[in-house]
Structure formats: C-alpha cells, structure tokens
Amino acid sequence: MATYQYLEFNEGDDFTYKLTLTDSDSVPIDITGYTFYMTVKKKISNSDADALFKITVSATQSPTLGIINIPIDRTDTLNKTAGIYPYDIKYKDGSSEIKTLIYGDFKLIQGVTDLVS
C-alpha cells in the first residue's frame, strides 16, 4: 500500500530524496534491477508528457541495502510557478511489476535569490 507524504522544496535548489525500502520486519529489500519514477504534475489529470518534471532512476547505489537516491536537480524546479502539486513515486521491480510507493502533495516554494553561479 502506498504511503502519503507531503514534500516541500525551494525553487531552484538541488536536493537528493533518499528512500530505504524494508519489509515488514524492517529488513532491507534488495532493489537490484528496480527502476524508480517520480512524477510531479500541475494537475493529476495531466499526461506524463505535460508533467512539471519527471525523474527516472535505477537502483545503482546500495541496492542490496534497499537504498535509492532520487536526485532533484535545480533545473527541475527553476522558473516554475510556486504552488502545491500532486506527485507520486512508483517503481518497477525485476519482474516488471509496477507499484506506487509514495504519493502526496509537492509544495514548491518560490525562491528569493536568483540562481547562484
């Protein structure tokens, strides 16, 4: 069952969203061969092609420990309108089964400082 999570990000910031997948006994799940998808949309009814941004990442760092890092680059949110948007994180496992892991509201906070070079 998917878990609801509210996220807040500042426009134009870099951030790595770290997840650790464990079973009901808190034992890490081996996510070798898994692919993770994070999609943030203006409206839930928009197509993926019209998403505010999408990130796809394969489990390459510490997959046997159930750890996945989803990098949100400053360019994903730069010059986007502040607001609250629907998002989810899904995964496809090694047998091509797809499940929603997390869903919720993604609050984008307007930046104050212009992009730092």
PDB file of N, CA and C in Angstrom:
ATOM      1  N   MET A   1       0.833  -1.173   0.000  1.00  0.00           N
ATOM      2  CA  MET A   1       0.000   0.000   0.000  1.00  0.00           C
ATOM      3  C   MET A   1       0.887   1.249   0.000  1.00  0.00           C
ATOM      4  N   ALA A   2       0.541   2.208  -0.803  1.00  0.00           N
ATOM      5  CA  ALA A   2       1.300   3.452  -0.926  1.00  0.00           C
ATOM      6  C   ALA A   2       1.128   4.312   0.326  1.00  0.00           C
ATOM      7  N   THR A   3       2.136   5.088   0.610  1.00  0.00           N
ATOM      8  CA  THR A   3       2.157   5.973   1.770  1.00  0.00           C
ATOM      9  C   THR A   3       2.024   7.420   1.303  1.00  0.00           C
ATOM     10  N   TYR A   4       1.191   8.197   2.014  1.00  0.00           N
ATOM     11  CA  TYR A   4       1.070   9.624   1.728  1.00  0.00           C
ATOM     12  C   TYR A   4       2.244  10.352   2.368  1.00  0.00           C
ATOM     13  N   GLN A   5       2.851  11.294   1.612  1.00  0.00           N
ATOM     14  CA  GLN A   5       3.907  12.130   2.165  1.00  0.00           C
ATOM     15  C   GLN A   5       3.847  13.511   1.523  1.00  0.00           C
ATOM     16  N   TYR A   6       3.839  14.521   2.371  1.00  0.00           N
ATOM     17  CA  TYR A   6       3.855  15.923   1.947  1.00  0.00           C
ATOM     18  C   TYR A   6       5.309  16.347   1.814  1.00  0.00           C
ATOM     19  N   LEU A   7       5.678  16.946   0.680  1.00  0.00           N
ATOM     20  CA  LEU A   7       7.049  17.393   0.439  1.00  0.00           C
ATOM     21  C   LEU A   7       7.080  18.888   0.167  1.00  0.00           C
ATOM     22  N   GLU A   8       8.106  19.559   0.656  1.00  0.00           N
ATOM     23  CA  GLU A   8       8.324  20.974   0.357  1.00  0.00           C
ATOM     24  C   GLU A   8       9.718  21.140  -0.228  1.00  0.00           C
ATOM     25  N   PHE A   9       9.800  21.891  -1.322  1.00  0.00           N
ATOM     26  CA  PHE A   9      11.078  22.170  -1.974  1.00  0.00           C
ATOM     27  C   PHE A   9      11.128  23.639  -2.348  1.00  0.00           C
ATOM     28  N   ASN A  10      12.324  24.191  -2.295  1.00  0.00           N
ATOM     29  CA  ASN A  10      12.529  25.564  -2.735  1.00  0.00           C
ATOM     30  C   ASN A  10      12.902  25.560  -4.208  1.00  0.00           C
ATOM     31  N   GLU A  11      12.268  26.420  -4.958  1.00  0.00           N
ATOM     32  CA  GLU A  11      12.535  26.557  -6.389  1.00  0.00           C
ATOM     33  C   GLU A  11      14.016  26.816  -6.619  1.00  0.00           C
ATOM     34  N   GLY A  12      14.612  26.079  -7.551  1.00  0.00           N
ATOM     35  CA  GLY A  12      15.998  26.281  -7.928  1.00  0.00           C
ATOM     36  C   GLY A  12      17.025  25.619  -7.032  1.00  0.00           C
ATOM     37  N   ASP A  13      16.607  24.832  -6.045  1.00  0.00           N
ATOM     38  CA  ASP A  13      17.555  24.134  -5.170  1.00  0.00           C
ATOM     39  C   ASP A  13      17.846  22.729  -5.694  1.00  0.00           C
ATOM     40  N   ASP A  14      19.017  22.222  -5.349  1.00  0.00           N
ATOM     41  CA  ASP A  14      19.365  20.825  -5.585  1.00  0.00           C
ATOM     42  C   ASP A  14      19.013  20.045  -4.328  1.00  0.00           C
ATOM     43  N   PHE A  15      18.507  18.833  -4.508  1.00  0.00           N
ATOM     44  CA  PHE A  15      18.129  18.009  -3.373  1.00  0.00           C
ATOM     45  C   PHE A  15      18.160  16.548  -3.790  1.00  0.00           C
ATOM     46  N   THR A  16      18.579  15.689  -2.885  1.00  0.00           N
ATOM     47  CA  THR A  16      18.510  14.251  -3.127  1.00  0.00           C
ATOM     48  C   THR A  16      17.508  13.668  -2.146  1.00  0.00           C
ATOM     49  N   TYR A  17      16.482  13.046  -2.689  1.00  0.00           N
ATOM     50  CA  TYR A  17      15.434  12.418  -1.890  1.00  0.00           C
ATOM     51  C   TYR A  17      15.839  10.969  -1.686  1.00  0.00           C
ATOM     52  N   LYS A  18      16.180  10.605  -0.456  1.00  0.00           N
ATOM     53  CA  LYS A  18      16.685   9.271  -0.149  1.00  0.00           C
ATOM     54  C   LYS A  18      15.573   8.411   0.428  1.00  0.00           C
ATOM     55  N   LEU A  19      15.418   7.220  -0.141  1.00  0.00           N
ATOM     56  CA  LEU A  19      14.427   6.264   0.337  1.00  0.00           C
ATOM     57  C   LEU A  19      15.128   4.963   0.700  1.00  0.00           C
ATOM     58  N   THR A  20      14.674   4.314   1.745  1.00  0.00           N
ATOM     59  CA  THR A  20      15.154   2.988   2.100  1.00  0.00           C
ATOM     60  C   THR A  20      13.952   2.064   2.165  1.00  0.00           C
ATOM     61  N   LEU A  21      13.954   1.048   1.329  1.00  0.00           N
ATOM     62  CA  LEU A  21      12.850   0.100   1.296  1.00  0.00           C
ATOM     63  C   LEU A  21      13.154  -1.083   2.203  1.00  0.00           C
ATOM     64  N   THR A  22      12.198  -1.373   3.101  1.00  0.00           N
ATOM     65  CA  THR A  22      12.333  -2.504   4.015  1.00  0.00           C
ATOM     66  C   THR A  22      11.045  -3.306   4.017  1.00  0.00           C
ATOM     67  N   ASP A  23      11.152  -4.555   4.454  1.00  0.00           N
ATOM     68  CA  ASP A  23       9.953  -5.380   4.569  1.00  0.00           C
ATOM     69  C   ASP A  23       9.292  -5.136   5.926  1.00  0.00           C
ATOM     70  N   SER A  24       8.262  -5.907   6.239  1.00  0.00           N
ATOM     71  CA  SER A  24       7.504  -5.683   7.479  1.00  0.00           C
ATOM     72  C   SER A  24       8.330  -5.941   8.740  1.00  0.00           C
ATOM     73  N   ASP A  25       9.457  -6.641   8.601  1.00  0.00           N
ATOM     74  CA  ASP A  25      10.348  -6.882   9.735  1.00  0.00           C
ATOM     75  C   ASP A  25      11.522  -5.906   9.760  1.00  0.00           C
ATOM     76  N   SER A  26      11.435  -4.828   8.960  1.00  0.00           N
ATOM     77  CA  SER A  26      12.477  -3.795   8.846  1.00  0.00           C
ATOM     78  C   SER A  26      13.784  -4.309   8.245  1.00  0.00           C
ATOM     79  N   VAL A  27      13.690  -5.404   7.484  1.00  0.00           N
ATOM     80  CA  VAL A  27      14.849  -5.941   6.780  1.00  0.00           C
ATOM     81  C   VAL A  27      14.903  -5.266   5.407  1.00  0.00           C
ATOM     82  N   PRO A  28      16.071  -4.734   5.009  1.00  0.00           N
ATOM     83  CA  PRO A  28      16.170  -4.073   3.702  1.00  0.00           C
ATOM     84  C   PRO A  28      15.773  -4.999   2.552  1.00  0.00           C
ATOM     85  N   ILE A  29      15.060  -4.435   1.588  1.00  0.00           N
ATOM     86  CA  ILE A  29      14.654  -5.174   0.392  1.00  0.00           C
ATOM     87  C   ILE A  29      15.734  -4.954  -0.663  1.00  0.00           C
ATOM     88  N   ASP A  30      16.191  -6.035  -1.271  1.00  0.00           N
ATOM     89  CA  ASP A  30      17.176  -5.926  -2.351  1.00  0.00           C
ATOM     90  C   ASP A  30      16.457  -5.356  -3.575  1.00  0.00           C
ATOM     91  N   ILE A  31      16.832  -4.147  -3.977  1.00  0.00           N
ATOM     92  CA  ILE A  31      16.171  -3.479  -5.097  1.00  0.00           C
ATOM     93  C   ILE A  31      17.030  -3.512  -6.363  1.00  0.00           C
ATOM     94  N   THR A  32      17.930  -4.483  -6.435  1.00  0.00           N
ATOM     95  CA  THR A  32      18.733  -4.663  -7.644  1.00  0.00           C
ATOM     96  C   THR A  32      17.785  -4.890  -8.821  1.00  0.00           C
ATOM     97  N   GLY A  33      17.987  -4.148  -9.897  1.00  0.00           N
ATOM     98  CA  GLY A  33      17.146  -4.279 -11.084  1.00  0.00           C
ATOM     99  C   GLY A  33      15.870  -3.454 -11.052  1.00  0.00           C
ATOM    100  N   TYR A  34      15.622  -2.731  -9.971  1.00  0.00           N
ATOM    101  CA  TYR A  34      14.436  -1.890  -9.869  1.00  0.00           C
ATOM    102  C   TYR A  34      14.688  -0.556 -10.599  1.00  0.00           C
ATOM    103  N   THR A  35      13.609   0.031 -11.095  1.00  0.00           N
ATOM    104  CA  THR A  35      13.643   1.377 -11.649  1.00  0.00           C
ATOM    105  C   THR A  35      12.587   2.188 -10.916  1.00  0.00           C
ATOM    106  N   PHE A  36      12.951   3.415 -10.517  1.00  0.00           N
ATOM    107  CA  PHE A  36      12.044   4.283  -9.774  1.00  0.00           C
ATOM    108  C   PHE A  36      11.663   5.485 -10.629  1.00  0.00           C
ATOM    109  N   TYR A  37      10.420   5.934 -10.469  1.00  0.00           N
ATOM    110  CA  TYR A  37       9.876   7.038 -11.257  1.00  0.00           C
ATOM    111  C   TYR A  37       9.218   8.032 -10.307  1.00  0.00           C
ATOM    112  N   MET A  38       9.658   9.280 -10.347  1.00  0.00           N
ATOM    113  CA  MET A  38       8.998  10.350  -9.590  1.00  0.00           C
ATOM    114  C   MET A  38       8.411  11.319 -10.605  1.00  0.00           C
ATOM    115  N   THR A  39       7.119  11.576 -10.474  1.00  0.00           N
ATOM    116  CA  THR A  39       6.430  12.478 -11.391  1.00  0.00           C
ATOM    117  C   THR A  39       5.677  13.521 -10.585  1.00  0.00           C
ATOM    118  N   VAL A  40       5.883  14.786 -10.942  1.00  0.00           N
ATOM    119  CA  VAL A  40       5.170  15.904 -10.321  1.00  0.00           C
ATOM    120  C   VAL A  40       4.386  16.579 -11.435  1.00  0.00           C
ATOM    121  N   LYS A  41       3.078  16.714 -11.243  1.00  0.00           N
ATOM    122  CA  LYS A  41       2.215  17.297 -12.278  1.00  0.00           C
ATOM    123  C   LYS A  41       1.517  18.548 -11.775  1.00  0.00           C
ATOM    124  N   LYS A  42       1.156  19.418 -12.714  1.00  0.00           N
ATOM    125  CA  LYS A  42       0.368  20.603 -12.364  1.00  0.00           C
ATOM    126  C   LYS A  42      -1.020  20.184 -11.901  1.00  0.00           C
ATOM    127  N   LYS A  43      -1.599  19.224 -12.626  1.00  0.00           N
ATOM    128  CA  LYS A  43      -2.898  18.651 -12.266  1.00  0.00           C
ATOM    129  C   LYS A  43      -2.779  17.146 -12.432  1.00  0.00           C
ATOM    130  N   ILE A  44      -3.438  16.418 -11.574  1.00  0.00           N
ATOM    131  CA  ILE A  44      -3.359  14.963 -11.625  1.00  0.00           C
ATOM    132  C   ILE A  44      -3.841  14.411 -12.962  1.00  0.00           C
ATOM    133  N   SER A  45      -4.733  15.152 -13.633  1.00  0.00           N
ATOM    134  CA  SER A  45      -5.284  14.694 -14.909  1.00  0.00           C
ATOM    135  C   SER A  45      -4.350  14.933 -16.099  1.00  0.00           C
ATOM    136  N   ASN A  46      -3.263  15.702 -15.896  1.00  0.00           N
ATOM    137  CA  ASN A  46      -2.313  15.928 -16.986  1.00  0.00           C
ATOM    138  C   ASN A  46      -1.607  14.628 -17.355  1.00  0.00           C
ATOM    139  N   SER A  47      -1.176  14.540 -18.595  1.00  0.00           N
ATOM    140  CA  SER A  47      -0.397  13.383 -19.016  1.00  0.00           C
ATOM    141  C   SER A  47       1.020  13.499 -18.471  1.00  0.00           C
ATOM    142  N   ASP A  48       1.729  12.391 -18.468  1.00  0.00           N
ATOM    143  CA  ASP A  48       3.126  12.423 -18.034  1.00  0.00           C
ATOM    144  C   ASP A  48       3.950  13.361 -18.906  1.00  0.00           C
ATOM    145  N   ALA A  49       3.593  13.451 -20.175  1.00  0.00           N
ATOM    146  CA  ALA A  49       4.317  14.332 -21.097  1.00  0.00           C
ATOM    147  C   ALA A  49       4.189  15.798 -20.688  1.00  0.00           C
ATOM    148  N   ASP A  50       3.121  16.144 -19.983  1.00  0.00           N
ATOM    149  CA  ASP A  50       2.895  17.523 -19.544  1.00  0.00           C
ATOM    150  C   ASP A  50       3.253  17.742 -18.067  1.00  0.00           C
ATOM    151  N   ALA A  51       4.013  16.820 -17.490  1.00  0.00           N
ATOM    152  CA  ALA A  51       4.379  16.914 -16.077  1.00  0.00           C
ATOM    153  C   ALA A  51       5.236  18.149 -15.813  1.00  0.00           C
ATOM    154  N   LEU A  52       5.158  18.668 -14.599  1.00  0.00           N
ATOM    155  CA  LEU A  52       6.025  19.755 -14.169  1.00  0.00           C
ATOM    156  C   LEU A  52       7.479  19.282 -14.282  1.00  0.00           C
ATOM    157  N   PHE A  53       7.742  18.072 -13.796  1.00  0.00           N
ATOM    158  CA  PHE A  53       9.001  17.374 -14.053  1.00  0.00           C
ATOM    159  C   PHE A  53       8.848  15.900 -13.724  1.00  0.00           C
ATOM    160  N   LYS A  54       9.732  15.098 -14.334  1.00  0.00           N
ATOM    161  CA  LYS A  54       9.770  13.644 -14.125  1.00  0.00           C
ATOM    162  C   LYS A  54      11.218  13.236 -13.923  1.00  0.00           C
ATOM    163  N   ILE A  55      11.405  12.263 -13.058  1.00  0.00           N
ATOM    164  CA  ILE A  55      12.748  11.743 -12.801  1.00  0.00           C
ATOM    165  C   ILE A  55      12.662  10.225 -12.855  1.00  0.00           C
ATOM    166  N   THR A  56      13.583   9.610 -13.571  1.00  0.00           N
ATOM    167  CA  THR A  56      13.690   8.164 -13.627  1.00  0.00           C
ATOM    168  C   THR A  56      15.087   7.793 -13.166  1.00  0.00           C
ATOM    169  N   VAL A  57      15.165   6.859 -12.231  1.00  0.00           N
ATOM    170  CA  VAL A  57      16.471   6.459 -11.707  1.00  0.00           C
ATOM    171  C   VAL A  57      16.483   4.960 -11.425  1.00  0.00           C
ATOM    172  N   SER A  58      17.575   4.327 -11.793  1.00  0.00           N
ATOM    173  CA  SER A  58      17.761   2.905 -11.496  1.00  0.00           C
ATOM    174  C   SER A  58      18.486   2.762 -10.170  1.00  0.00           C
ATOM    175  N   ALA A  59      18.215   1.669  -9.491  1.00  0.00           N
ATOM    176  CA  ALA A  59      18.840   1.409  -8.202  1.00  0.00           C
ATOM    177  C   ALA A  59      20.294   1.021  -8.431  1.00  0.00           C
ATOM    178  N   THR A  60      21.196   1.988  -8.301  1.00  0.00           N
ATOM    179  CA  THR A  60      22.608   1.729  -8.556  1.00  0.00           C
ATOM    180  C   THR A  60      23.478   1.887  -7.319  1.00  0.00           C
ATOM    181  N   GLN A  61      23.009   2.591  -6.307  1.00  0.00           N
ATOM    182  CA  GLN A  61      23.811   2.827  -5.113  1.00  0.00           C
ATOM    183  C   GLN A  61      23.187   2.089  -3.933  1.00  0.00           C
ATOM    184  N   SER A  62      23.884   1.129  -3.391  1.00  0.00           N
ATOM    185  CA  SER A  62      23.437   0.337  -2.234  1.00  0.00           C
ATOM    186  C   SER A  62      22.112  -0.390  -2.472  1.00  0.00           C
ATOM    187  N   PRO A  63      21.917  -1.035  -3.632  1.00  0.00           N
ATOM    188  CA  PRO A  63      20.637  -1.695  -3.874  1.00  0.00           C
ATOM    189  C   PRO A  63      20.367  -2.869  -2.929  1.00  0.00           C
ATOM    190  N   THR A  64      21.407  -3.548  -2.472  1.00  0.00           N
ATOM    191  CA  THR A  64      21.172  -4.672  -1.559  1.00  0.00           C
ATOM    192  C   THR A  64      20.751  -4.204  -0.171  1.00  0.00           C
ATOM    193  N   LEU A  65      20.960  -2.913   0.114  1.00  0.00           N
ATOM    194  CA  LEU A  65      20.521  -2.345   1.386  1.00  0.00           C
ATOM    195  C   LEU A  65      19.168  -1.642   1.256  1.00  0.00           C
ATOM    196  N   GLY A  66      18.561  -1.726   0.060  1.00  0.00           N
ATOM    197  CA  GLY A  66      17.250  -1.124  -0.168  1.00  0.00           C
ATOM    198  C   GLY A  66      17.276   0.378  -0.313  1.00  0.00           C
ATOM    199  N   ILE A  67      18.452   0.952  -0.589  1.00  0.00           N
ATOM    200  CA  ILE A  67      18.584   2.413  -0.631  1.00  0.00           C
ATOM    201  C   ILE A  67      18.540   2.914  -2.065  1.00  0.00           C
ATOM    202  N   ILE A  68      17.683   3.913  -2.293  1.00  0.00           N
ATOM    203  CA  ILE A  68      17.597   4.586  -3.587  1.00  0.00           C
ATOM    204  C   ILE A  68      17.659   6.090  -3.349  1.00  0.00           C
ATOM    205  N   ASN A  69      18.436   6.766  -4.152  1.00  0.00           N
ATOM    206  CA  ASN A  69      18.533   8.224  -4.087  1.00  0.00           C
ATOM    207  C   ASN A  69      17.906   8.805  -5.351  1.00  0.00           C
ATOM    208  N   ILE A  70      16.938   9.683  -5.179  1.00  0.00           N
ATOM    209  CA  ILE A  70      16.284  10.340  -6.308  1.00  0.00           C
ATOM    210  C   ILE A  70      16.780  11.786  -6.338  1.00  0.00           C
ATOM    211  N   PRO A  71      17.626  12.111  -7.315  1.00  0.00           N
ATOM    212  CA  PRO A  71      18.169  13.466  -7.367  1.00  0.00           C
ATOM    213  C   PRO A  71      17.190  14.439  -8.008  1.00  0.00           C
ATOM    214  N   ILE A  72      16.868  15.502  -7.283  1.00  0.00           N
ATOM    215  CA  ILE A  72      16.043  16.570  -7.830  1.00  0.00           C
ATOM    216  C   ILE A  72      17.002  17.721  -8.105  1.00  0.00           C
ATOM    217  N   ASP A  73      17.227  17.975  -9.367  1.00  0.00           N
ATOM    218  CA  ASP A  73      18.179  18.991  -9.798  1.00  0.00           C
ATOM    219  C   ASP A  73      17.502  20.356  -9.808  1.00  0.00           C
ATOM    220  N   ARG A  74      18.279  21.403  -9.566  1.00  0.00           N
ATOM    221  CA  ARG A  74      17.717  22.764  -9.556  1.00  0.00           C
ATOM    222  C   ARG A  74      16.983  23.089 -10.849  1.00  0.00           C
ATOM    223  N   THR A  75      17.411  22.508 -11.971  1.00  0.00           N
ATOM    224  CA  THR A  75      16.743  22.799 -13.249  1.00  0.00           C
ATOM    225  C   THR A  75      15.351  22.186 -13.320  1.00  0.00           C
ATOM    226  N   ASP A  76      15.069  21.187 -12.452  1.00  0.00           N
ATOM    227  CA  ASP A  76      13.729  20.591 -12.428  1.00  0.00           C
ATOM    228  C   ASP A  76      12.677  21.574 -11.923  1.00  0.00           C
ATOM    229  N   THR A  77      13.081  22.480 -11.029  1.00  0.00           N
ATOM    230  CA  THR A  77      12.116  23.398 -10.412  1.00  0.00           C
ATOM    231  C   THR A  77      12.366  24.862 -10.754  1.00  0.00           C
ATOM    232  N   LEU A  78      13.502  25.155 -11.376  1.00  0.00           N
ATOM    233  CA  LEU A  78      13.856  26.539 -11.681  1.00  0.00           C
ATOM    234  C   LEU A  78      12.832  27.188 -12.606  1.00  0.00           C
ATOM    235  N   ASN A  79      12.401  28.388 -12.243  1.00  0.00           N
ATOM    236  CA  ASN A  79      11.435  29.174 -13.018  1.00  0.00           C
ATOM    237  C   ASN A  79      10.067  28.505 -13.162  1.00  0.00           C
ATOM    238  N   LYS A  80       9.744  27.643 -12.209  1.00  0.00           N
ATOM    239  CA  LYS A  80       8.405  27.038 -12.167  1.00  0.00           C
ATOM    240  C   LYS A  80       7.566  27.843 -11.179  1.00  0.00           C
ATOM    241  N   THR A  81       6.274  27.886 -11.401  1.00  0.00           N
ATOM    242  CA  THR A  81       5.364  28.644 -10.551  1.00  0.00           C
ATOM    243  C   THR A  81       5.196  27.969  -9.197  1.00  0.00           C
ATOM    244  N   ALA A  82       5.335  28.760  -8.138  1.00  0.00           N
ATOM    245  CA  ALA A  82       5.124  28.237  -6.792  1.00  0.00           C
ATOM    246  C   ALA A  82       3.699  27.720  -6.668  1.00  0.00           C
ATOM    247  N   GLY A  83       3.528  26.686  -5.885  1.00  0.00           N
ATOM    248  CA  GLY A  83       2.205  26.114  -5.675  1.00  0.00           C
ATOM    249  C   GLY A  83       2.306  24.723  -5.084  1.00  0.00           C
ATOM    250  N   ILE A  84       1.162  24.092  -4.961  1.00  0.00           N
ATOM    251  CA  ILE A  84       1.093  22.727  -4.440  1.00  0.00           C
ATOM    252  C   ILE A  84       0.635  21.831  -5.582  1.00  0.00           C
ATOM    253  N   TYR A  85       1.419  20.800  -5.852  1.00  0.00           N
ATOM    254  CA  TYR A  85       1.200  19.922  -6.997  1.00  0.00           C
ATOM    255  C   TYR A  85       1.129  18.463  -6.542  1.00  0.00           C
ATOM    256  N   PRO A  86       0.350  17.641  -7.246  1.00  0.00           N
ATOM    257  CA  PRO A  86       0.321  16.214  -6.923  1.00  0.00           C
ATOM    258  C   PRO A  86       1.579  15.522  -7.453  1.00  0.00           C
ATOM    259  N   TYR A  87       2.037  14.528  -6.725  1.00  0.00           N
ATOM    260  CA  TYR A  87       3.198  13.753  -7.165  1.00  0.00           C
ATOM    261  C   TYR A  87       3.036  12.302  -6.717  1.00  0.00           C
ATOM    262  N   ASP A  88       3.822  11.440  -7.328  1.00  0.00           N
ATOM    263  CA  ASP A  88       3.960  10.089  -6.811  1.00  0.00           C
ATOM    264  C   ASP A  88       5.331   9.538  -7.164  1.00  0.00           C
ATOM    265  N   ILE A  89       5.689   8.488  -6.463  1.00  0.00           N
ATOM    266  CA  ILE A  89       6.911   7.739  -6.742  1.00  0.00           C
ATOM    267  C   ILE A  89       6.494   6.290  -6.915  1.00  0.00           C
ATOM    268  N   LYS A  90       6.795   5.753  -8.088  1.00  0.00           N
ATOM    269  CA  LYS A  90       6.481   4.366  -8.410  1.00  0.00           C
ATOM    270  C   LYS A  90       7.778   3.627  -8.653  1.00  0.00           C
ATOM    271  N   TYR A  91       7.689   2.304  -8.614  1.00  0.00           N
ATOM    272  CA  TYR A  91       8.848   1.505  -9.009  1.00  0.00           C
ATOM    273  C   TYR A  91       8.397   0.328  -9.850  1.00  0.00           C
ATOM    274  N   LYS A  92       9.329  -0.122 -10.661  1.00  0.00           N
ATOM    275  CA  LYS A  92       9.146  -1.355 -11.439  1.00  0.00           C
ATOM    276  C   LYS A  92      10.247  -2.291 -10.982  1.00  0.00           C
ATOM    277  N   ASP A  93       9.853  -3.479 -10.503  1.00  0.00           N
ATOM    278  CA  ASP A  93      10.864  -4.402  -9.994  1.00  0.00           C
ATOM    279  C   ASP A  93      11.429  -5.269 -11.119  1.00  0.00           C
ATOM    280  N   GLY A  94      12.298  -6.181 -10.771  1.00  0.00           N
ATOM    281  CA  GLY A  94      12.977  -7.024 -11.745  1.00  0.00           C
ATOM    282  C   GLY A  94      12.058  -7.913 -12.554  1.00  0.00           C
ATOM    283  N   SER A  95      10.848  -8.174 -12.044  1.00  0.00           N
ATOM    284  CA  SER A  95       9.883  -8.996 -12.791  1.00  0.00           C
ATOM    285  C   SER A  95       8.850  -8.123 -13.512  1.00  0.00           C
ATOM    286  N   SER A  96       9.131  -6.816 -13.629  1.00  0.00           N
ATOM    287  CA  SER A  96       8.289  -5.822 -14.316  1.00  0.00           C
ATOM    288  C   SER A  96       6.976  -5.526 -13.616  1.00  0.00           C
ATOM    289  N   GLU A  97       6.878  -5.871 -12.332  1.00  0.00           N
ATOM    290  CA  GLU A  97       5.702  -5.496 -11.550  1.00  0.00           C
ATOM    291  C   GLU A  97       5.850  -4.035 -11.147  1.00  0.00           C
ATOM    292  N   ILE A  98       4.779  -3.251 -11.306  1.00  0.00           N
ATOM    293  CA  ILE A  98       4.799  -1.817 -11.013  1.00  0.00           C
ATOM    294  C   ILE A  98       3.933  -1.530  -9.794  1.00  0.00           C
ATOM    295  N   LYS A  99       4.477  -0.751  -8.867  1.00  0.00           N
ATOM    296  CA  LYS A  99       3.737  -0.387  -7.659  1.00  0.00           C
ATOM    297  C   LYS A  99       3.998   1.073  -7.308  1.00  0.00           C
ATOM    298  N   THR A 100       2.985   1.716  -6.729  1.00  0.00           N
ATOM    299  CA  THR A 100       3.140   3.066  -6.202  1.00  0.00           C
ATOM    300  C   THR A 100       3.661   2.944  -4.784  1.00  0.00           C
ATOM    301  N   LEU A 101       4.755   3.643  -4.526  1.00  0.00           N
ATOM    302  CA  LEU A 101       5.409   3.595  -3.229  1.00  0.00           C
ATOM    303  C   LEU A 101       4.944   4.754  -2.349  1.00  0.00           C
ATOM    304  N   ILE A 102       4.969   5.975  -2.920  1.00  0.00           N
ATOM    305  CA  ILE A 102       4.621   7.195  -2.188  1.00  0.00           C
ATOM    306  C   ILE A 102       3.798   8.091  -3.103  1.00  0.00           C
ATOM    307  N   TYR A 103       2.846   8.803  -2.535  1.00  0.00           N
ATOM    308  CA  TYR A 103       2.070   9.806  -3.267  1.00  0.00           C
ATOM    309  C   TYR A 103       1.820  10.968  -2.316  1.00  0.00           C
ATOM    310  N   GLY A 104       1.438  12.096  -2.875  1.00  0.00           N
ATOM    311  CA  GLY A 104       1.102  13.201  -1.992  1.00  0.00           C
ATOM    312  C   GLY A 104       1.112  14.540  -2.674  1.00  0.00           C
ATOM    313  N   ASP A 105       1.361  15.561  -1.871  1.00  0.00           N
ATOM    314  CA  ASP A 105       1.402  16.945  -2.333  1.00  0.00           C
ATOM    315  C   ASP A 105       2.840  17.436  -2.294  1.00  0.00           C
ATOM    316  N   PHE A 106       3.243  18.079  -3.369  1.00  0.00           N
ATOM    317  CA  PHE A 106       4.585  18.618  -3.531  1.00  0.00           C
ATOM    318  C   PHE A 106       4.447  20.130  -3.527  1.00  0.00           C
ATOM    319  N   LYS A 107       4.895  20.767  -2.450  1.00  0.00           N
ATOM    320  CA  LYS A 107       4.801  22.224  -2.364  1.00  0.00           C
ATOM    321  C   LYS A 107       6.098  22.829  -2.886  1.00  0.00           C
ATOM    322  N   LEU A 108       5.973  23.634  -3.919  1.00  0.00           N
ATOM    323  CA  LEU A 108       7.111  24.345  -4.486  1.00  0.00           C
ATOM    324  C   LEU A 108       7.077  25.770  -3.950  1.00  0.00           C
ATOM    325  N   ILE A 109       8.134  26.155  -3.239  1.00  0.00           N
ATOM    326  CA  ILE A 109       8.238  27.466  -2.619  1.00  0.00           C
ATOM    327  C   ILE A 109       9.065  28.361  -3.528  1.00  0.00           C
ATOM    328  N   GLN A 110       8.523  29.533  -3.846  1.00  0.00           N
ATOM    329  CA  GLN A 110       9.218  30.460  -4.751  1.00  0.00           C
ATOM    330  C   GLN A 110      10.544  30.897  -4.137  1.00  0.00           C
ATOM    331  N   GLY A 111      11.596  30.883  -4.952  1.00  0.00           N
ATOM    332  CA  GLY A 111      12.908  31.294  -4.477  1.00  0.00           C
ATOM    333  C   GLY A 111      13.004  32.807  -4.356  1.00  0.00           C
ATOM    334  N   VAL A 112      13.918  33.258  -3.535  1.00  0.00           N
ATOM    335  CA  VAL A 112      14.164  34.687  -3.347  1.00  0.00           C
ATOM    336  C   VAL A 112      15.439  35.096  -4.103  1.00  0.00           C
ATOM    337  N   THR A 113      16.494  34.316  -3.925  1.00  0.00           N
ATOM    338  CA  THR A 113      17.774  34.592  -4.550  1.00  0.00           C
ATOM    339  C   THR A 113      17.787  34.045  -5.967  1.00  0.00           C
ATOM    340  N   ASP A 114      18.303  34.843  -6.904  1.00  0.00           N
ATOM    341  CA  ASP A 114      18.484  34.354  -8.273  1.00  0.00           C
ATOM    342  C   ASP A 114      19.481  33.203  -8.229  1.00  0.00           C
ATOM    343  N   LEU A 115      19.519  32.429  -9.287  1.00  0.00           N
ATOM    344  CA  LEU A 115      20.422  31.291  -9.367  1.00  0.00           C
ATOM    345  C   LEU A 115      21.847  31.723  -9.056  1.00  0.00           C
ATOM    346  N   VAL A 116      22.462  31.034  -8.128  1.00  0.00           N
ATOM    347  CA  VAL A 116      23.846  31.325  -7.730  1.00  0.00           C
ATOM    348  C   VAL A 116      24.767  30.634  -8.696  1.00  0.00           C
ATOM    349  N   SER A 117      25.778  31.355  -9.206  1.00  0.00           N
ATOM    350  CA  SER A 117      26.700  30.726 -10.163  1.00  0.00           C
ATOM    351  C   SER A 117      27.988  30.323  -9.511  1.00  0.00           C
TER     352      SER A 117
END
